[in-house]
Amino acid sequence: MYSLTSSNKYYLYQGYVRMNRGIDGLYKMIRSEMKELSPVSGDAFIFFGKKRQSVKILKWDGDGFLLYYKRLEGGSFEVPVFNPRTGNYEIGWNTLSFILSGVSLKSVRLRKRFRI
């Protein structure tokens, strides 16, 4: 089964996207607006709709693209703020998991852990 895991890198598109865009349209957006990143790297690219009720995640799987789509029936996703000063599009697996689960990013406080 195909899945998104903590071993993937996740990149957030900085604007909002019309949700009628498919794989080809999202691919072209990555190539034209996130030029330093490769759509066929195996990394996942995250796109939110303008009302923040839907999200699409595009990922290359070695021989083709996978497109994940989630639409909320009520409420909206909390979208992290893009920092143009750092130019960083990357978010972590935990952050993506919190967003998809409806956890407020402002209230999350991660405790210090040992990491290698």
PDB file of N, CA and C in Angstrom:
ATOM      1  N   MET A   1       0.839  -1.194   0.000  1.00  0.00           N
ATOM      2  CA  MET A   1       0.000   0.000   0.000  1.00  0.00           C
ATOM      3  C   MET A   1       0.876   1.247   0.000  1.00  0.00           C
ATOM      4  N   TYR A   2       0.449   2.263  -0.680  1.00  0.00           N
ATOM      5  CA  TYR A   2       1.181   3.518  -0.756  1.00  0.00           C
ATOM      6  C   TYR A   2       0.863   4.359   0.472  1.00  0.00           C
ATOM      7  N   SER A   3       1.881   5.013   1.004  1.00  0.00           N
ATOM      8  CA  SER A   3       1.636   5.837   2.186  1.00  0.00           C
ATOM      9  C   SER A   3       2.650   6.965   2.280  1.00  0.00           C
ATOM     10  N   LEU A   4       2.299   7.937   3.076  1.00  0.00           N
ATOM     11  CA  LEU A   4       3.200   9.025   3.408  1.00  0.00           C
ATOM     12  C   LEU A   4       3.763   8.714   4.786  1.00  0.00           C
ATOM     13  N   THR A   5       5.075   8.844   4.947  1.00  0.00           N
ATOM     14  CA  THR A   5       5.713   8.475   6.207  1.00  0.00           C
ATOM     15  C   THR A   5       6.663   9.570   6.673  1.00  0.00           C
ATOM     16  N   SER A   6       7.217   9.368   7.846  1.00  0.00           N
ATOM     17  CA  SER A   6       8.160  10.343   8.398  1.00  0.00           C
ATOM     18  C   SER A   6       9.479  10.366   7.633  1.00  0.00           C
ATOM     19  N   SER A   7       9.733   9.360   6.810  1.00  0.00           N
ATOM     20  CA  SER A   7      10.980   9.340   6.031  1.00  0.00           C
ATOM     21  C   SER A   7      10.906  10.227   4.785  1.00  0.00           C
ATOM     22  N   ASN A   8       9.709  10.680   4.426  1.00  0.00           N
ATOM     23  CA  ASN A   8       9.549  11.590   3.288  1.00  0.00           C
ATOM     24  C   ASN A   8       9.871  13.021   3.695  1.00  0.00           C
ATOM     25  N   LYS A   9      10.231  13.837   2.707  1.00  0.00           N
ATOM     26  CA  LYS A   9      10.336  15.281   2.909  1.00  0.00           C
ATOM     27  C   LYS A   9       9.043  15.890   2.381  1.00  0.00           C
ATOM     28  N   TYR A  10       8.562  16.937   3.057  1.00  0.00           N
ATOM     29  CA  TYR A  10       7.296  17.570   2.705  1.00  0.00           C
ATOM     30  C   TYR A  10       7.528  19.049   2.434  1.00  0.00           C
ATOM     31  N   TYR A  11       7.054  19.499   1.273  1.00  0.00           N
ATOM     32  CA  TYR A  11       7.234  20.887   0.879  1.00  0.00           C
ATOM     33  C   TYR A  11       5.873  21.532   0.658  1.00  0.00           C
ATOM     34  N   LEU A  12       5.686  22.675   1.296  1.00  0.00           N
ATOM     35  CA  LEU A  12       4.430  23.406   1.250  1.00  0.00           C
ATOM     36  C   LEU A  12       4.474  24.445   0.136  1.00  0.00           C
ATOM     37  N   TYR A  13       3.481  24.409  -0.741  1.00  0.00           N
ATOM     38  CA  TYR A  13       3.349  25.452  -1.756  1.00  0.00           C
ATOM     39  C   TYR A  13       2.875  26.714  -1.054  1.00  0.00           C
ATOM     40  N   GLN A  14       3.492  27.863  -1.353  1.00  0.00           N
ATOM     41  CA  GLN A  14       3.255  29.069  -0.562  1.00  0.00           C
ATOM     42  C   GLN A  14       1.938  29.784  -0.840  1.00  0.00           C
ATOM     43  N   GLY A  15       1.266  29.485  -1.931  1.00  0.00           N
ATOM     44  CA  GLY A  15      -0.004  30.136  -2.227  1.00  0.00           C
ATOM     45  C   GLY A  15      -1.150  29.144  -2.130  1.00  0.00           C
ATOM     46  N   TYR A  16      -2.320  29.590  -2.534  1.00  0.00           N
ATOM     47  CA  TYR A  16      -3.476  28.697  -2.584  1.00  0.00           C
ATOM     48  C   TYR A  16      -3.689  28.246  -4.022  1.00  0.00           C
ATOM     49  N   VAL A  17      -4.294  27.076  -4.185  1.00  0.00           N
ATOM     50  CA  VAL A  17      -4.420  26.438  -5.491  1.00  0.00           C
ATOM     51  C   VAL A  17      -5.884  26.119  -5.762  1.00  0.00           C
ATOM     52  N   ARG A  18      -6.301  26.293  -7.017  1.00  0.00           N
ATOM     53  CA  ARG A  18      -7.634  25.832  -7.415  1.00  0.00           C
ATOM     54  C   ARG A  18      -7.618  24.311  -7.398  1.00  0.00           C
ATOM     55  N   MET A  19      -8.570  23.714  -6.742  1.00  0.00           N
ATOM     56  CA  MET A  19      -8.561  22.270  -6.533  1.00  0.00           C
ATOM     57  C   MET A  19      -8.959  21.465  -7.766  1.00  0.00           C
ATOM     58  N   ASN A  20      -9.277  22.140  -8.869  1.00  0.00           N
ATOM     59  CA  ASN A  20      -9.540  21.378 -10.092  1.00  0.00           C
ATOM     60  C   ASN A  20      -8.242  21.030 -10.824  1.00  0.00           C
ATOM     61  N   ARG A  21      -7.114  21.489 -10.310  1.00  0.00           N
ATOM     62  CA  ARG A  21      -5.822  21.130 -10.911  1.00  0.00           C
ATOM     63  C   ARG A  21      -5.513  19.673 -10.608  1.00  0.00           C
ATOM     64  N   GLY A  22      -5.035  18.989 -11.618  1.00  0.00           N
ATOM     65  CA  GLY A  22      -4.660  17.591 -11.466  1.00  0.00           C
ATOM     66  C   GLY A  22      -3.156  17.435 -11.369  1.00  0.00           C
ATOM     67  N   ILE A  23      -2.693  16.233 -11.609  1.00  0.00           N
ATOM     68  CA  ILE A  23      -1.270  15.923 -11.502  1.00  0.00           C
ATOM     69  C   ILE A  23      -0.437  16.814 -12.419  1.00  0.00           C
ATOM     70  N   ASP A  24      -0.833  16.941 -13.671  1.00  0.00           N
ATOM     71  CA  ASP A  24      -0.047  17.734 -14.625  1.00  0.00           C
ATOM     72  C   ASP A  24       0.030  19.205 -14.227  1.00  0.00           C
ATOM     73  N   GLY A  25      -1.086  19.778 -13.799  1.00  0.00           N
ATOM     74  CA  GLY A  25      -1.101  21.179 -13.388  1.00  0.00           C
ATOM     75  C   GLY A  25      -0.250  21.433 -12.155  1.00  0.00           C
ATOM     76  N   LEU A  26      -0.323  20.545 -11.174  1.00  0.00           N
ATOM     77  CA  LEU A  26       0.485  20.696  -9.959  1.00  0.00           C
ATOM     78  C   LEU A  26       1.968  20.505 -10.270  1.00  0.00           C
ATOM     79  N   TYR A  27       2.267  19.539 -11.137  1.00  0.00           N
ATOM     80  CA  TYR A  27       3.649  19.306 -11.573  1.00  0.00           C
ATOM     81  C   TYR A  27       4.239  20.577 -12.179  1.00  0.00           C
ATOM     82  N   LYS A  28       3.478  21.227 -13.059  1.00  0.00           N
ATOM     83  CA  LYS A  28       3.947  22.452 -13.711  1.00  0.00           C
ATOM     84  C   LYS A  28       4.161  23.579 -12.703  1.00  0.00           C
ATOM     85  N   MET A  29       3.324  23.645 -11.676  1.00  0.00           N
ATOM     86  CA  MET A  29       3.489  24.677 -10.647  1.00  0.00           C
ATOM     87  C   MET A  29       4.788  24.469  -9.872  1.00  0.00           C
ATOM     88  N   ILE A  30       5.104  23.223  -9.561  1.00  0.00           N
ATOM     89  CA  ILE A  30       6.354  22.924  -8.853  1.00  0.00           C
ATOM     90  C   ILE A  30       7.540  23.329  -9.721  1.00  0.00           C
ATOM     91  N   ARG A  31       7.499  22.944 -10.995  1.00  0.00           N
ATOM     92  CA  ARG A  31       8.611  23.247 -11.917  1.00  0.00           C
ATOM     93  C   ARG A  31       8.808  24.757 -12.102  1.00  0.00           C
ATOM     94  N   SER A  32       7.715  25.510 -12.153  1.00  0.00           N
ATOM     95  CA  SER A  32       7.837  26.941 -12.446  1.00  0.00           C
ATOM     96  C   SER A  32       8.026  27.810 -11.204  1.00  0.00           C
ATOM     97  N   GLU A  33       7.499  27.399 -10.050  1.00  0.00           N
ATOM     98  CA  GLU A  33       7.524  28.278  -8.882  1.00  0.00           C
ATOM     99  C   GLU A  33       8.385  27.771  -7.728  1.00  0.00           C
ATOM    100  N   MET A  34       8.745  26.515  -7.749  1.00  0.00           N
ATOM    101  CA  MET A  34       9.609  25.947  -6.706  1.00  0.00           C
ATOM    102  C   MET A  34      10.834  25.373  -7.413  1.00  0.00           C
ATOM    103  N   LYS A  35      11.498  26.210  -8.164  1.00  0.00           N
ATOM    104  CA  LYS A  35      12.513  25.792  -9.138  1.00  0.00           C
ATOM    105  C   LYS A  35      13.660  24.984  -8.558  1.00  0.00           C
ATOM    106  N   GLU A  36      14.010  25.226  -7.304  1.00  0.00           N
ATOM    107  CA  GLU A  36      15.141  24.509  -6.721  1.00  0.00           C
ATOM    108  C   GLU A  36      14.783  23.078  -6.311  1.00  0.00           C
ATOM    109  N   LEU A  37      13.497  22.731  -6.395  1.00  0.00           N
ATOM    110  CA  LEU A  37      13.041  21.393  -6.014  1.00  0.00           C
ATOM    111  C   LEU A  37      12.636  20.600  -7.249  1.00  0.00           C
ATOM    112  N   SER A  38      12.788  19.284  -7.173  1.00  0.00           N
ATOM    113  CA  SER A  38      12.427  18.420  -8.294  1.00  0.00           C
ATOM    114  C   SER A  38      11.155  17.638  -7.978  1.00  0.00           C
ATOM    115  N   PRO A  39      10.138  17.719  -8.838  1.00  0.00           N
ATOM    116  CA  PRO A  39       8.900  16.978  -8.609  1.00  0.00           C
ATOM    117  C   PRO A  39       9.084  15.460  -8.640  1.00  0.00           C
ATOM    118  N   VAL A  40      10.172  14.978  -9.249  1.00  0.00           N
ATOM    119  CA  VAL A  40      10.393  13.533  -9.349  1.00  0.00           C
ATOM    120  C   VAL A  40      11.452  13.046  -8.357  1.00  0.00           C
ATOM    121  N   SER A  41      11.651  13.788  -7.283  1.00  0.00           N
ATOM    122  CA  SER A  41      12.645  13.432  -6.265  1.00  0.00           C
ATOM    123  C   SER A  41      12.125  12.385  -5.283  1.00  0.00           C
ATOM    124  N   GLY A  42      10.818  12.170  -5.259  1.00  0.00           N
ATOM    125  CA  GLY A  42      10.231  11.289  -4.254  1.00  0.00           C
ATOM    126  C   GLY A  42       9.711  12.059  -3.054  1.00  0.00           C
ATOM    127  N   ASP A  43       9.961  13.383  -3.024  1.00  0.00           N
ATOM    128  CA  ASP A  43       9.440  14.230  -1.955  1.00  0.00           C
ATOM    129  C   ASP A  43       7.962  14.509  -2.212  1.00  0.00           C
ATOM    130  N   ALA A  44       7.252  14.920  -1.161  1.00  0.00           N
ATOM    131  CA  ALA A  44       5.825  15.207  -1.271  1.00  0.00           C
ATOM    132  C   ALA A  44       5.604  16.718  -1.285  1.00  0.00           C
ATOM    133  N   PHE A  45       4.693  17.175  -2.137  1.00  0.00           N
ATOM    134  CA  PHE A  45       4.393  18.592  -2.293  1.00  0.00           C
ATOM    135  C   PHE A  45       2.940  18.827  -1.900  1.00  0.00           C
ATOM    136  N   ILE A  46       2.717  19.799  -1.010  1.00  0.00           N
ATOM    137  CA  ILE A  46       1.415  20.020  -0.384  1.00  0.00           C
ATOM    138  C   ILE A  46       0.792  21.298  -0.935  1.00  0.00           C
ATOM    139  N   PHE A  47      -0.480  21.201  -1.349  1.00  0.00           N
ATOM    140  CA  PHE A  47      -1.218  22.324  -1.921  1.00  0.00           C
ATOM    141  C   PHE A  47      -2.559  22.454  -1.203  1.00  0.00           C
ATOM    142  N   PHE A  48      -2.891  23.669  -0.748  1.00  0.00           N
ATOM    143  CA  PHE A  48      -4.170  23.923  -0.091  1.00  0.00           C
ATOM    144  C   PHE A  48      -5.069  24.736  -1.002  1.00  0.00           C
ATOM    145  N   GLY A  49      -6.377  24.477  -0.906  1.00  0.00           N
ATOM    146  CA  GLY A  49      -7.364  25.270  -1.613  1.00  0.00           C
ATOM    147  C   GLY A  49      -7.561  26.609  -0.918  1.00  0.00           C
ATOM    148  N   LYS A  50      -8.149  27.568  -1.622  1.00  0.00           N
ATOM    149  CA  LYS A  50      -8.296  28.927  -1.101  1.00  0.00           C
ATOM    150  C   LYS A  50      -9.117  28.981   0.184  1.00  0.00           C
ATOM    151  N   LYS A  51     -10.153  28.176   0.291  1.00  0.00           N
ATOM    152  CA  LYS A  51     -10.984  28.170   1.503  1.00  0.00           C
ATOM    153  C   LYS A  51     -10.383  27.309   2.609  1.00  0.00           C
ATOM    154  N   ARG A  52      -9.257  26.673   2.319  1.00  0.00           N
ATOM    155  CA  ARG A  52      -8.541  25.794   3.249  1.00  0.00           C
ATOM    156  C   ARG A  52      -9.398  24.616   3.727  1.00  0.00           C
ATOM    157  N   GLN A  53     -10.351  24.208   2.907  1.00  0.00           N
ATOM    158  CA  GLN A  53     -11.162  23.039   3.228  1.00  0.00           C
ATOM    159  C   GLN A  53     -10.662  21.797   2.507  1.00  0.00           C
ATOM    160  N   SER A  54      -9.684  21.974   1.625  1.00  0.00           N
ATOM    161  CA  SER A  54      -9.164  20.836   0.872  1.00  0.00           C
ATOM    162  C   SER A  54      -7.652  20.951   0.721  1.00  0.00           C
ATOM    163  N   VAL A  55      -7.031  19.782   0.595  1.00  0.00           N
ATOM    164  CA  VAL A  55      -5.583  19.705   0.442  1.00  0.00           C
ATOM    165  C   VAL A  55      -5.264  18.605  -0.557  1.00  0.00           C
ATOM    166  N   LYS A  56      -4.250  18.846  -1.385  1.00  0.00           N
ATOM    167  CA  LYS A  56      -3.728  17.831  -2.295  1.00  0.00           C
ATOM    168  C   LYS A  56      -2.247  17.664  -2.014  1.00  0.00           C
ATOM    169  N   ILE A  57      -1.799  16.421  -2.050  1.00  0.00           N
ATOM    170  CA  ILE A  57      -0.386  16.112  -1.851  1.00  0.00           C
ATOM    171  C   ILE A  57       0.079  15.301  -3.050  1.00  0.00           C
ATOM    172  N   LEU A  58       1.093  15.803  -3.743  1.00  0.00           N
ATOM    173  CA  LEU A  58       1.629  15.160  -4.937  1.00  0.00           C
ATOM    174  C   LEU A  58       2.985  14.545  -4.608  1.00  0.00           C
ATOM    175  N   LYS A  59       3.162  13.275  -4.986  1.00  0.00           N
ATOM    176  CA  LYS A  59       4.406  12.568  -4.680  1.00  0.00           C
ATOM    177  C   LYS A  59       4.768  11.638  -5.831  1.00  0.00           C
ATOM    178  N   TRP A  60       6.035  11.653  -6.216  1.00  0.00           N
ATOM    179  CA  TRP A  60       6.560  10.737  -7.230  1.00  0.00           C
ATOM    180  C   TRP A  60       6.860   9.408  -6.561  1.00  0.00           C
ATOM    181  N   ASP A  61       6.452   8.304  -7.195  1.00  0.00           N
ATOM    182  CA  ASP A  61       6.612   6.985  -6.591  1.00  0.00           C
ATOM    183  C   ASP A  61       7.558   6.088  -7.384  1.00  0.00           C
ATOM    184  N   GLY A  62       8.478   6.665  -8.125  1.00  0.00           N
ATOM    185  CA  GLY A  62       9.449   5.871  -8.865  1.00  0.00           C
ATOM    186  C   GLY A  62       9.069   5.626 -10.307  1.00  0.00           C
ATOM    187  N   ASP A  63       7.787   5.362 -10.561  1.00  0.00           N
ATOM    188  CA  ASP A  63       7.360   5.139 -11.938  1.00  0.00           C
ATOM    189  C   ASP A  63       6.079   5.890 -12.286  1.00  0.00           C
ATOM    190  N   GLY A  64       5.660   6.770 -11.399  1.00  0.00           N
ATOM    191  CA  GLY A  64       4.460   7.558 -11.634  1.00  0.00           C
ATOM    192  C   GLY A  64       4.140   8.420 -10.424  1.00  0.00           C
ATOM    193  N   PHE A  65       3.185   9.318 -10.604  1.00  0.00           N
ATOM    194  CA  PHE A  65       2.791  10.216  -9.520  1.00  0.00           C
ATOM    195  C   PHE A  65       1.626   9.638  -8.728  1.00  0.00           C
ATOM    196  N   LEU A  66       1.645   9.909  -7.427  1.00  0.00           N
ATOM    197  CA  LEU A  66       0.515   9.635  -6.546  1.00  0.00           C
ATOM    198  C   LEU A  66      -0.085  10.981  -6.175  1.00  0.00           C
ATOM    199  N   LEU A  67      -1.409  11.075  -6.169  1.00  0.00           N
ATOM    200  CA  LEU A  67      -2.082  12.305  -5.774  1.00  0.00           C
ATOM    201  C   LEU A  67      -3.044  11.979  -4.643  1.00  0.00           C
ATOM    202  N   TYR A  68      -2.749  12.511  -3.469  1.00  0.00           N
ATOM    203  CA  TYR A  68      -3.621  12.344  -2.304  1.00  0.00           C
ATOM    204  C   TYR A  68      -4.504  13.579  -2.219  1.00  0.00           C
ATOM    205  N   TYR A  69      -5.771  13.378  -1.847  1.00  0.00           N
ATOM    206  CA  TYR A  69      -6.715  14.488  -1.772  1.00  0.00           C
ATOM    207  C   TYR A  69      -7.583  14.308  -0.541  1.00  0.00           C
ATOM    208  N   LYS A  70      -7.723  15.379   0.233  1.00  0.00           N
ATOM    209  CA  LYS A  70      -8.626  15.344   1.383  1.00  0.00           C
ATOM    210  C   LYS A  70      -9.462  16.608   1.368  1.00  0.00           C
ATOM    211  N   ARG A  71     -10.782  16.435   1.516  1.00  0.00           N
ATOM    212  CA  ARG A  71     -11.708  17.560   1.589  1.00  0.00           C
ATOM    213  C   ARG A  71     -12.494  17.447   2.885  1.00  0.00           C
ATOM    214  N   LEU A  72     -12.506  18.512   3.652  1.00  0.00           N
ATOM    215  CA  LEU A  72     -13.250  18.524   4.903  1.00  0.00           C
ATOM    216  C   LEU A  72     -14.712  18.851   4.635  1.00  0.00           C
ATOM    217  N   GLU A  73     -15.597  18.197   5.333  1.00  0.00           N
ATOM    218  CA  GLU A  73     -17.024  18.497   5.216  1.00  0.00           C
ATOM    219  C   GLU A  73     -17.402  19.702   6.070  1.00  0.00           C
ATOM    220  N   GLY A  74     -16.593  20.006   7.058  1.00  0.00           N
ATOM    221  CA  GLY A  74     -16.803  21.182   7.904  1.00  0.00           C
ATOM    222  C   GLY A  74     -15.474  21.633   8.469  1.00  0.00           C
ATOM    223  N   GLY A  75     -15.357  22.920   8.740  1.00  0.00           N
ATOM    224  CA  GLY A  75     -14.109  23.440   9.286  1.00  0.00           C
ATOM    225  C   GLY A  75     -13.091  23.710   8.199  1.00  0.00           C
ATOM    226  N   SER A  76     -11.865  23.973   8.633  1.00  0.00           N
ATOM    227  CA  SER A  76     -10.799  24.265   7.678  1.00  0.00           C
ATOM    228  C   SER A  76      -9.458  23.810   8.242  1.00  0.00           C
ATOM    229  N   PHE A  77      -8.495  23.669   7.353  1.00  0.00           N
ATOM    230  CA  PHE A  77      -7.136  23.320   7.748  1.00  0.00           C
ATOM    231  C   PHE A  77      -6.411  24.577   8.218  1.00  0.00           C
ATOM    232  N   GLU A  78      -5.557  24.423   9.217  1.00  0.00           N
ATOM    233  CA  GLU A  78      -4.673  25.518   9.607  1.00  0.00           C
ATOM    234  C   GLU A  78      -3.425  25.406   8.741  1.00  0.00           C
ATOM    235  N   VAL A  79      -3.144  26.450   7.997  1.00  0.00           N
ATOM    236  CA  VAL A  79      -2.010  26.433   7.072  1.00  0.00           C
ATOM    237  C   VAL A  79      -0.832  27.160   7.716  1.00  0.00           C
ATOM    238  N   PRO A  80       0.340  26.529   7.767  1.00  0.00           N
ATOM    239  CA  PRO A  80       1.505  27.212   8.333  1.00  0.00           C
ATOM    240  C   PRO A  80       1.859  28.452   7.522  1.00  0.00           C
ATOM    241  N   VAL A  81       2.419  29.431   8.190  1.00  0.00           N
ATOM    242  CA  VAL A  81       2.810  30.674   7.533  1.00  0.00           C
ATOM    243  C   VAL A  81       4.143  30.457   6.819  1.00  0.00           C
ATOM    244  N   PHE A  82       4.175  30.812   5.550  1.00  0.00           N
ATOM    245  CA  PHE A  82       5.408  30.721   4.767  1.00  0.00           C
ATOM    246  C   PHE A  82       6.324  31.864   5.171  1.00  0.00           C
ATOM    247  N   ASN A  83       7.593  31.566   5.372  1.00  0.00           N
ATOM    248  CA  ASN A  83       8.566  32.578   5.771  1.00  0.00           C
ATOM    249  C   ASN A  83       9.407  32.975   4.556  1.00  0.00           C
ATOM    250  N   PRO A  84       9.089  34.101   3.898  1.00  0.00           N
ATOM    251  CA  PRO A  84       9.834  34.484   2.695  1.00  0.00           C
ATOM    252  C   PRO A  84      11.287  34.848   2.989  1.00  0.00           C
ATOM    253  N   ARG A  85      11.591  35.235   4.217  1.00  0.00           N
ATOM    254  CA  ARG A  85      12.966  35.597   4.581  1.00  0.00           C
ATOM    255  C   ARG A  85      13.886  34.388   4.484  1.00  0.00           C
ATOM    256  N   THR A  86      13.414  33.233   4.956  1.00  0.00           N
ATOM    257  CA  THR A  86      14.238  32.025   4.899  1.00  0.00           C
ATOM    258  C   THR A  86      14.043  31.280   3.593  1.00  0.00           C
ATOM    259  N   GLY A  87      12.917  31.518   2.908  1.00  0.00           N
ATOM    260  CA  GLY A  87      12.639  30.802   1.667  1.00  0.00           C
ATOM    261  C   GLY A  87      12.395  29.326   1.892  1.00  0.00           C
ATOM    262  N   ASN A  88      12.012  28.963   3.106  1.00  0.00           N
ATOM    263  CA  ASN A  88      11.860  27.557   3.453  1.00  0.00           C
ATOM    264  C   ASN A  88      10.433  27.079   3.213  1.00  0.00           C
ATOM    265  N   TYR A  89      10.301  26.130   2.337  1.00  0.00           N
ATOM    266  CA  TYR A  89       9.005  25.534   2.051  1.00  0.00           C
ATOM    267  C   TYR A  89       8.789  24.266   2.875  1.00  0.00           C
ATOM    268  N   GLU A  90       9.846  23.716   3.458  1.00  0.00           N
ATOM    269  CA  GLU A  90       9.770  22.381   4.057  1.00  0.00           C
ATOM    270  C   GLU A  90       9.053  22.405   5.405  1.00  0.00           C
ATOM    271  N   ILE A  91       8.166  21.426   5.607  1.00  0.00           N
ATOM    272  CA  ILE A  91       7.549  21.202   6.911  1.00  0.00           C
ATOM    273  C   ILE A  91       7.804  19.749   7.291  1.00  0.00           C
ATOM    274  N   GLY A  92       7.731  19.460   8.560  1.00  0.00           N
ATOM    275  CA  GLY A  92       8.001  18.112   9.036  1.00  0.00           C
ATOM    276  C   GLY A  92       6.772  17.219   8.998  1.00  0.00           C
ATOM    277  N   TRP A  93       7.013  15.926   9.134  1.00  0.00           N
ATOM    278  CA  TRP A  93       5.943  14.937   9.153  1.00  0.00           C
ATOM    279  C   TRP A  93       4.962  15.220  10.289  1.00  0.00           C
ATOM    280  N   ASN A  94       5.478  15.563  11.475  1.00  0.00           N
ATOM    281  CA  ASN A  94       4.598  15.843  12.614  1.00  0.00           C
ATOM    282  C   ASN A  94       3.672  17.010  12.317  1.00  0.00           C
ATOM    283  N   THR A  95       4.210  18.063  11.719  1.00  0.00           N
ATOM    284  CA  THR A  95       3.399  19.230  11.379  1.00  0.00           C
ATOM    285  C   THR A  95       2.305  18.859  10.390  1.00  0.00           C
ATOM    286  N   LEU A  96       2.649  18.101   9.357  1.00  0.00           N
ATOM    287  CA  LEU A  96       1.642  17.667   8.384  1.00  0.00           C
ATOM    288  C   LEU A  96       0.576  16.810   9.055  1.00  0.00           C
ATOM    289  N   SER A  97       0.996  15.914   9.910  1.00  0.00           N
ATOM    290  CA  SER A  97       0.057  15.048  10.626  1.00  0.00           C
ATOM    291  C   SER A  97      -0.896  15.876  11.492  1.00  0.00           C
ATOM    292  N   PHE A  98      -0.365  16.892  12.176  1.00  0.00           N
ATOM    293  CA  PHE A  98      -1.208  17.769  12.992  1.00  0.00           C
ATOM    294  C   PHE A  98      -2.213  18.511  12.121  1.00  0.00           C
ATOM    295  N   ILE A  99      -1.756  19.042  10.993  1.00  0.00           N
ATOM    296  CA  ILE A  99      -2.640  19.788  10.092  1.00  0.00           C
ATOM    297  C   ILE A  99      -3.785  18.901   9.618  1.00  0.00           C
ATOM    298  N   LEU A 100      -3.460  17.698   9.145  1.00  0.00           N
ATOM    299  CA  LEU A 100      -4.487  16.799   8.609  1.00  0.00           C
ATOM    300  C   LEU A 100      -5.435  16.298   9.689  1.00  0.00           C
ATOM    301  N   SER A 101      -4.972  16.267  10.944  1.00  0.00           N
ATOM    302  CA  SER A 101      -5.797  15.790  12.061  1.00  0.00           C
ATOM    303  C   SER A 101      -6.605  16.902  12.716  1.00  0.00           C
ATOM    304  N   GLY A 102      -6.344  18.155  12.355  1.00  0.00           N
ATOM    305  CA  GLY A 102      -7.090  19.268  12.924  1.00  0.00           C
ATOM    306  C   GLY A 102      -6.504  19.839  14.199  1.00  0.00           C
ATOM    307  N   VAL A 103      -5.270  19.499  14.519  1.00  0.00           N
ATOM    308  CA  VAL A 103      -4.616  20.030  15.715  1.00  0.00           C
ATOM    309  C   VAL A 103      -4.124  21.449  15.421  1.00  0.00           C
ATOM    310  N   SER A 104      -4.377  22.371  16.350  1.00  0.00           N
ATOM    311  CA  SER A 104      -3.925  23.749  16.176  1.00  0.00           C
ATOM    312  C   SER A 104      -2.413  23.820  16.318  1.00  0.00           C
ATOM    313  N   LEU A 105      -1.756  24.361  15.317  1.00  0.00           N
ATOM    314  CA  LEU A 105      -0.297  24.465  15.343  1.00  0.00           C
ATOM    315  C   LEU A 105       0.184  25.476  16.380  1.00  0.00           C
ATOM    316  N   LYS A 106      -0.670  26.440  16.714  1.00  0.00           N
ATOM    317  CA  LYS A 106      -0.293  27.457  17.697  1.00  0.00           C
ATOM    318  C   LYS A 106      -0.256  26.895  19.112  1.00  0.00           C
ATOM    319  N   SER A 107      -1.043  25.848  19.366  1.00  0.00           N
ATOM    320  CA  SER A 107      -1.105  25.301  20.722  1.00  0.00           C
ATOM    321  C   SER A 107      -0.140  24.135  20.937  1.00  0.00           C
ATOM    322  N   VAL A 108       0.488  23.663  19.883  1.00  0.00           N
ATOM    323  CA  VAL A 108       1.403  22.520  19.996  1.00  0.00           C
ATOM    324  C   VAL A 108       2.752  22.996  20.515  1.00  0.00           C
ATOM    325  N   ARG A 109       3.229  22.308  21.525  1.00  0.00           N
ATOM    326  CA  ARG A 109       4.561  22.587  22.060  1.00  0.00           C
ATOM    327  C   ARG A 109       5.292  21.265  22.160  1.00  0.00           C
ATOM    328  N   LEU A 110       6.296  21.085  21.349  1.00  0.00           N
ATOM    329  CA  LEU A 110       7.047  19.837  21.367  1.00  0.00           C
ATOM    330  C   LEU A 110       8.091  19.879  22.474  1.00  0.00           C
ATOM    331  N   ARG A 111       8.147  18.807  23.224  1.00  0.00           N
ATOM    332  CA  ARG A 111       9.126  18.712  24.296  1.00  0.00           C
ATOM    333  C   ARG A 111      10.477  18.323  23.712  1.00  0.00           C
ATOM    334  N   LYS A 112      11.532  18.736  24.382  1.00  0.00           N
ATOM    335  CA  LYS A 112      12.887  18.471  23.919  1.00  0.00           C
ATOM    336  C   LYS A 112      13.163  16.972  23.944  1.00  0.00           C
ATOM    337  N   ARG A 113      13.754  16.475  22.858  1.00  0.00           N
ATOM    338  CA  ARG A 113      14.110  15.062  22.735  1.00  0.00           C
ATOM    339  C   ARG A 113      15.527  14.942  22.218  1.00  0.00           C
ATOM    340  N   PHE A 114      16.167  13.843  22.568  1.00  0.00           N
ATOM    341  CA  PHE A 114      17.497  13.538  22.057  1.00  0.00           C
ATOM    342  C   PHE A 114      17.367  13.064  20.622  1.00  0.00           C
ATOM    343  N   ARG A 115      18.162  13.619  19.726  1.00  0.00           N
ATOM    344  CA  ARG A 115      18.136  13.222  18.313  1.00  0.00           C
ATOM    345  C   ARG A 115      19.563  13.017  17.838  1.00  0.00           C
ATOM    346  N   ILE A 116      19.732  12.043  16.988  1.00  0.00           N
ATOM    347  CA  ILE A 116      21.050  11.781  16.395  1.00  0.00           C
ATOM    348  C   ILE A 116      21.050  12.275  14.966  1.00  0.00           C
TER     349      ILE A 116
END
